[in-house]
């Protein structure tokens, strides 16, 4: 199992960050550079949860998102994935900071394939920088 932690500083307030992370509308694939329209499907959605498949042909996952509408955390649990096994996922924790938000991100991966094991071993080296970059647009982060 691989765990990677990093922080972002968003210009959005915590509620704005929560809104971006939990917006599963048709523009999601346009807003997030790591999601293409062919690999984005909302399976079901409730007031405080959603089950979606998202990603690209190279790396997609089916995940369950959970959050509280007035909360400061979004938990994403991997249910199925092209590269990684079930049970890993993401945790986004939002803390007000000045006019924006500090977003603490934790990524956990459980490799299920040889390629996944190789990628998981590289995550601590490459993930923080590349993920900060891919999240910077949607989350208006520095």
Protein backbone atom coordinates (compact mmCIF):
# COMPACT_ATOMS: atom_id res chain seq x y z
CA UNK A 1 0.00 0.00 0.00
CA UNK A 2 1.27 3.46 -0.93
CA UNK A 3 0.21 6.67 0.84
CA UNK A 4 1.02 10.14 -0.49
CA UNK A 5 0.17 13.38 1.34
CA UNK A 6 0.41 16.97 0.11
CA UNK A 7 -1.27 20.37 0.49
CA UNK A 8 -2.81 22.91 -1.84
CA UNK A 9 -3.80 26.51 -1.21
CA UNK A 10 -7.10 27.30 -2.94
CA UNK A 11 -8.51 30.76 -3.60
CA UNK A 12 -11.96 29.23 -2.96
CA UNK A 13 -13.53 29.08 0.48
CA UNK A 14 -14.06 25.57 1.95
CA UNK A 15 -17.64 25.42 0.69
CA UNK A 16 -16.40 26.33 -2.81
CA UNK A 17 -13.78 23.57 -2.71
CA UNK A 18 -16.44 21.11 -1.54
CA UNK A 19 -18.67 22.25 -4.41
CA UNK A 20 -15.97 21.64 -7.02
CA UNK A 21 -15.05 18.23 -5.63
CA UNK A 22 -18.69 17.08 -5.53
CA UNK A 23 -19.99 18.56 -8.79
CA UNK A 24 -20.82 15.55 -10.95
CA UNK A 25 -22.51 17.50 -13.73
CA UNK A 26 -21.70 17.14 -17.44
CA UNK A 27 -18.94 19.78 -17.27
CA UNK A 28 -16.84 17.67 -14.85
CA UNK A 29 -14.84 16.09 -17.67
CA UNK A 30 -14.08 19.55 -19.06
CA UNK A 31 -13.03 20.98 -15.68
CA UNK A 32 -10.70 18.16 -14.59
CA UNK A 33 -7.69 17.37 -16.81
CA UNK A 34 -7.52 13.78 -15.52
CA UNK A 35 -11.08 12.92 -16.63
CA UNK A 36 -12.22 12.41 -20.20
CA UNK A 37 -15.85 12.24 -21.29
CA UNK A 38 -15.53 8.62 -22.48
CA UNK A 39 -14.48 7.53 -18.98
CA UNK A 40 -16.92 9.54 -16.90
CA UNK A 41 -20.17 7.99 -15.71
CA UNK A 42 -22.34 8.86 -12.74
CA UNK A 43 -23.83 5.60 -11.51
CA UNK A 44 -25.87 7.03 -8.64
CA UNK A 45 -25.90 10.15 -6.50
CA UNK A 46 -27.45 11.17 -3.18
CA UNK A 47 -27.34 14.24 -0.95
CA UNK A 48 -24.05 13.26 0.69
CA UNK A 49 -22.60 10.64 -1.63
CA UNK A 50 -22.06 9.66 -5.25
CA UNK A 51 -20.77 6.62 -7.09
CA UNK A 52 -18.92 7.46 -10.29
CA UNK A 53 -16.45 6.07 -12.76
CA UNK A 54 -13.91 8.62 -13.94
CA UNK A 55 -10.46 8.87 -15.43
CA UNK A 56 -8.96 8.10 -18.82
CA UNK A 57 -8.34 5.00 -20.92
CA UNK A 58 -4.92 4.69 -19.26
CA UNK A 59 -6.16 5.03 -15.67
CA UNK A 60 -9.81 4.98 -14.62
CA UNK A 61 -11.50 4.09 -11.36
CA UNK A 62 -14.97 3.55 -10.00
CA UNK A 63 -15.27 5.28 -6.66
CA UNK A 64 -17.71 6.23 -3.94
CA UNK A 65 -17.57 9.87 -2.81
CA UNK A 66 -18.88 10.76 0.65
CA UNK A 67 -19.19 14.18 2.31
CA UNK A 68 -21.28 16.30 4.65
CA UNK A 69 -22.87 19.37 2.97
CA UNK A 70 -21.54 21.69 5.69
CA UNK A 71 -18.46 19.59 6.29
CA UNK A 72 -14.77 20.00 5.70
CA UNK A 73 -13.91 16.59 4.27
CA UNK A 74 -14.53 14.56 1.12
CA UNK A 75 -13.65 10.87 1.24
CA UNK A 76 -13.34 8.95 -2.00
CA UNK A 77 -13.11 5.16 -1.76
CA UNK A 78 -11.89 3.17 -4.75
CA UNK A 79 -14.33 0.38 -5.63
CA UNK A 80 -12.67 -0.79 -8.85
CA UNK A 81 -9.77 0.47 -10.93
CA UNK A 82 -7.75 -0.35 -14.02
CA UNK A 83 -4.49 -0.15 -12.07
CA UNK A 84 -5.20 -0.22 -8.34
CA UNK A 85 -7.20 -2.48 -6.09
CA UNK A 86 -10.32 -1.66 -4.15
CA UNK A 87 -10.05 0.02 -0.75
CA UNK A 88 -7.62 2.80 -1.48
CA UNK A 89 -8.73 6.27 -2.43
CA UNK A 90 -8.53 9.93 -1.55
CA UNK A 91 -9.26 12.15 1.43
CA UNK A 92 -9.57 15.92 0.91
CA UNK A 93 -9.70 17.99 4.10
CA UNK A 94 -10.48 21.70 3.82
CA UNK A 95 -9.35 24.28 6.40
CA UNK A 96 -10.17 28.00 6.08
CA UNK A 97 -6.99 30.00 5.65
CA UNK A 98 -7.12 33.74 5.03
CA UNK A 99 -9.48 34.42 2.14
CA UNK A 100 -9.08 30.87 0.82
CA UNK A 101 -8.63 27.29 1.92
CA UNK A 102 -5.78 24.95 2.75
CA UNK A 103 -6.61 21.58 1.20
CA UNK A 104 -4.82 18.60 2.72
CA UNK A 105 -4.84 15.67 0.30
CA UNK A 106 -4.13 12.05 1.15
CA UNK A 107 -3.93 9.47 -1.63
CA UNK A 108 -3.82 5.76 -0.80
CA UNK A 109 -3.23 3.14 -3.47
CA UNK A 110 -3.39 -0.64 -3.26
CA UNK A 111 -1.81 -1.98 -6.45
CA UNK A 112 -3.73 -4.78 -8.17
CA UNK A 113 -1.57 -5.28 -11.27
CA UNK A 114 2.13 -5.33 -12.05
CA UNK A 115 1.81 -1.96 -13.77
CA UNK A 116 -0.06 -0.67 -10.71
CA UNK A 117 2.76 -1.84 -8.42
CA UNK A 118 5.33 -0.04 -10.53
CA UNK A 119 3.24 3.15 -10.60
CA UNK A 120 2.55 2.95 -6.86
CA UNK A 121 6.28 2.77 -6.15
CA UNK A 122 6.75 6.01 -8.14
CA UNK A 123 3.84 7.91 -6.59
CA UNK A 124 5.75 9.37 -3.63
CA UNK A 125 8.26 10.87 -6.06
CA UNK A 126 5.99 12.22 -8.80
CA UNK A 127 2.43 12.46 -7.45
CA UNK A 128 2.61 15.59 -5.28
CA UNK A 129 3.90 17.85 -8.05
CA UNK A 130 1.78 16.39 -10.87
CA UNK A 131 -1.39 16.24 -8.78
CA UNK A 132 -0.95 19.81 -7.53
CA UNK A 133 -0.72 20.85 -11.18
CA UNK A 134 -3.82 18.90 -12.26
CA UNK A 135 -5.86 20.17 -9.28
CA UNK A 136 -4.73 23.80 -9.63
CA UNK A 137 -7.27 24.70 -12.32
CA UNK A 138 -10.48 23.21 -10.91
CA UNK A 139 -9.65 24.11 -7.30
CA UNK A 140 -8.14 27.51 -8.22
CA UNK A 141 -5.08 26.49 -6.22
CA UNK A 142 -1.50 27.68 -6.08
